[in-house]
């Protein structure tokens, strides 16, 4: 672990691990660097956990005040939306081309700007290029990502997935 994540891990707290892990940890921990070993803690209950985490952040299942996390899986509508978007190979290719062109344009304008060309037209052109790049990426997102749990609980409100799906469905309906 220390060879792969030497400085990434700051603290790992394992709560209510089965008893076998304590024995394994006693053996394995001797092989680890002391710094890494000190970053991994096993705790048995909420009282021990409170030594590392403020109890006000505990979920209700640990006798805390925060709501318990409940994963909401994708619905059948989500699955059909993703299947339709994944099947739209031409739409993805178009979105990638537009994104690449917008990125190239933004990079070219930025290089001109960095070369000390401080004309107000160039600053406005760069701002416009940045906006075009953002819009191009937003159009590309449904093809390279999926809606997540946070979309389903509406913590993230991105209409682009639904808009892309509606556009694909309208295109299919027009071709029938």
Protein backbone atom coordinates (compact mmCIF):
# COMPACT_ATOMS: atom_id res chain seq x y z
CA UNK A 1 0.00 0.00 0.00
CA UNK A 2 2.76 2.44 0.84
CA UNK A 3 4.36 1.87 -2.57
CA UNK A 4 1.19 2.89 -4.37
CA UNK A 5 -0.25 5.56 -2.09
CA UNK A 6 2.61 6.88 0.04
CA UNK A 7 1.35 10.39 0.66
CA UNK A 8 -2.29 10.13 -0.36
CA UNK A 9 -3.67 8.42 2.72
CA UNK A 10 -3.97 10.79 5.65
CA UNK A 11 -6.24 8.71 7.90
CA UNK A 12 -8.18 5.51 7.43
CA UNK A 13 -10.63 4.51 10.14
CA UNK A 14 -12.16 1.05 10.00
CA UNK A 15 -15.28 0.69 12.14
CA UNK A 16 -16.62 -2.63 13.42
CA UNK A 17 -14.27 -4.83 11.42
CA UNK A 18 -14.70 -8.59 11.96
CA UNK A 19 -12.41 -9.98 14.66
CA UNK A 20 -10.19 -11.75 12.10
CA UNK A 21 -8.99 -8.38 10.78
CA UNK A 22 -7.50 -7.43 14.14
CA UNK A 23 -5.28 -10.52 14.08
CA UNK A 24 -4.30 -9.98 10.45
CA UNK A 25 -3.59 -6.32 11.13
CA UNK A 26 -1.33 -7.22 14.05
CA UNK A 27 0.79 -9.30 11.66
CA UNK A 28 0.67 -7.10 8.54
CA UNK A 29 1.19 -3.81 10.35
CA UNK A 30 4.69 -4.86 11.40
CA UNK A 31 5.74 -4.89 7.73
CA UNK A 32 4.49 -1.37 7.03
CA UNK A 33 6.34 1.86 7.45
CA UNK A 34 5.46 3.33 10.90
CA UNK A 35 4.07 6.47 9.28
CA UNK A 36 1.66 4.46 7.16
CA UNK A 37 0.78 2.18 10.08
CA UNK A 38 -0.19 5.18 12.22
CA UNK A 39 -2.59 6.40 9.53
CA UNK A 40 -4.78 3.28 9.78
CA UNK A 41 -6.99 2.90 12.84
CA UNK A 42 -9.40 0.16 13.82
CA UNK A 43 -12.27 1.23 16.10
CA UNK A 44 -14.92 -0.95 17.67
CA UNK A 45 -17.71 1.50 18.50
CA UNK A 46 -18.97 5.08 18.33
CA UNK A 47 -17.08 6.07 21.48
CA UNK A 48 -13.73 5.13 19.93
CA UNK A 49 -14.78 6.69 16.62
CA UNK A 50 -15.47 9.98 18.42
CA UNK A 51 -11.73 10.24 19.13
CA UNK A 52 -11.21 10.84 15.39
CA UNK A 53 -14.49 12.27 14.06
CA UNK A 54 -16.80 14.86 15.58
CA UNK A 55 -19.95 12.99 16.74
CA UNK A 56 -22.16 15.69 15.23
CA UNK A 57 -21.13 14.26 11.84
CA UNK A 58 -22.26 10.72 12.68
CA UNK A 59 -25.22 9.30 10.74
CA UNK A 60 -28.32 8.20 12.65
CA UNK A 61 -27.30 4.52 12.43
CA UNK A 62 -24.26 5.42 14.58
CA UNK A 63 -26.42 7.34 17.08
CA UNK A 64 -25.68 10.62 15.33
CA UNK A 65 -27.82 13.44 14.02
CA UNK A 66 -26.98 13.26 10.31
CA UNK A 67 -29.27 11.30 7.98
CA UNK A 68 -28.20 7.82 6.95
CA UNK A 69 -27.00 7.50 3.37
CA UNK A 70 -29.46 5.65 1.21
CA UNK A 71 -28.35 4.78 -2.30
CA UNK A 72 -31.02 5.24 -4.92
CA UNK A 73 -30.31 2.91 -7.85
CA UNK A 74 -31.03 3.89 -11.45
CA UNK A 75 -34.62 3.46 -12.51
CA UNK A 76 -35.77 1.73 -15.69
CA UNK A 77 -36.16 5.21 -17.23
CA UNK A 78 -32.54 6.03 -16.30
CA UNK A 79 -31.37 2.78 -17.87
CA UNK A 80 -33.29 3.41 -21.11
CA UNK A 81 -31.96 6.99 -21.23
CA UNK A 82 -28.37 5.81 -20.87
CA UNK A 83 -28.89 3.03 -23.44
CA UNK A 84 -30.27 5.52 -25.97
CA UNK A 85 -27.44 7.99 -25.37
CA UNK A 86 -24.80 5.23 -25.63
CA UNK A 87 -26.35 4.05 -28.91
CA UNK A 88 -26.09 7.55 -30.41
CA UNK A 89 -22.60 7.07 -31.85
CA UNK A 90 -22.99 9.88 -34.38
CA UNK A 91 -24.14 12.32 -31.68
CA UNK A 92 -21.12 11.44 -29.57
CA UNK A 93 -18.75 11.90 -32.51
CA UNK A 94 -20.29 15.30 -33.28
CA UNK A 95 -20.07 16.39 -29.64
CA UNK A 96 -16.42 15.28 -29.46
CA UNK A 97 -15.55 17.14 -32.66
CA UNK A 98 -17.21 20.34 -31.44
CA UNK A 99 -15.45 20.01 -28.08
CA UNK A 100 -12.05 19.46 -29.70
CA UNK A 101 -12.52 22.46 -31.98
CA UNK A 102 -13.63 24.63 -29.05
CA UNK A 103 -10.62 23.49 -27.01
CA UNK A 104 -8.26 24.19 -29.91
CA UNK A 105 -9.76 27.65 -30.43
CA UNK A 106 -9.55 28.45 -26.70
CA UNK A 107 -5.93 27.29 -26.60
CA UNK A 108 -5.00 29.41 -29.63
CA UNK A 109 -6.66 32.51 -28.19
CA UNK A 110 -4.99 31.88 -24.82
CA UNK A 111 -1.57 31.57 -26.46
CA UNK A 112 -2.09 34.88 -28.27
CA UNK A 113 -3.24 36.46 -24.99
CA UNK A 114 -0.23 35.03 -23.12
CA UNK A 115 2.13 36.51 -25.69
CA UNK A 116 1.29 39.88 -24.24
CA UNK A 117 -1.40 40.91 -26.67
CA UNK A 118 -3.62 42.82 -24.24
CA UNK A 119 -6.15 44.23 -26.66
CA UNK A 120 -9.64 44.38 -25.26
CA UNK A 121 -10.92 42.50 -28.31
CA UNK A 122 -8.66 39.58 -27.46
CA UNK A 123 -9.86 39.48 -23.85
CA UNK A 124 -13.46 39.45 -25.04
CA UNK A 125 -12.61 36.77 -27.62
CA UNK A 126 -10.97 34.66 -24.91
CA UNK A 127 -14.02 35.00 -22.65
CA UNK A 128 -16.24 33.95 -25.55
CA UNK A 129 -13.94 31.01 -26.36
CA UNK A 130 -14.09 29.91 -22.71
CA UNK A 131 -17.89 30.02 -22.81
CA UNK A 132 -17.95 28.01 -26.05
CA UNK A 133 -15.63 25.42 -24.50
CA UNK A 134 -17.85 25.12 -21.40
CA UNK A 135 -20.94 24.69 -23.58
CA UNK A 136 -19.19 22.13 -25.80
CA UNK A 137 -18.13 20.13 -22.76
CA UNK A 138 -21.63 20.24 -21.31
CA UNK A 139 -22.95 18.85 -24.59
CA UNK A 140 -20.33 16.08 -24.46
CA UNK A 141 -21.02 15.10 -20.82
CA UNK A 142 -23.99 12.74 -21.45
CA UNK A 143 -21.86 10.74 -23.88
CA UNK A 144 -18.89 10.30 -21.52
CA UNK A 145 -20.61 10.18 -18.14
CA UNK A 146 -23.85 9.02 -16.58
CA UNK A 147 -26.34 10.41 -14.15
CA UNK A 148 -25.31 9.58 -10.61
CA UNK A 149 -27.03 9.07 -7.30
CA UNK A 150 -26.70 12.81 -6.72
CA UNK A 151 -28.59 13.54 -9.93
CA UNK A 152 -31.36 11.18 -8.84
CA UNK A 153 -31.76 12.91 -5.46
CA UNK A 154 -31.52 16.26 -7.28
CA UNK A 155 -28.46 17.45 -5.37
CA UNK A 156 -27.00 18.01 -8.85
CA UNK A 157 -29.44 19.53 -11.29
CA UNK A 158 -28.14 19.09 -14.81
CA UNK A 159 -30.80 19.18 -17.49
CA UNK A 160 -28.34 18.17 -20.22
CA UNK A 161 -28.96 14.43 -19.81
CA UNK A 162 -32.71 14.83 -20.29
CA UNK A 163 -32.23 17.35 -23.11
CA UNK A 164 -29.89 14.99 -24.97
CA UNK A 165 -32.27 12.07 -24.48
CA UNK A 166 -35.24 14.13 -25.71
CA UNK A 167 -33.24 15.22 -28.76
CA UNK A 168 -32.32 11.61 -29.57
CA UNK A 169 -35.94 10.47 -29.16
CA UNK A 170 -37.18 13.31 -31.39
CA UNK A 171 -34.58 12.41 -34.02
CA UNK A 172 -35.67 8.76 -33.96
CA UNK A 173 -39.34 9.76 -34.20
CA UNK A 174 -38.61 11.98 -37.22
CA UNK A 175 -36.89 9.11 -39.03
CA UNK A 176 -39.76 6.67 -38.54
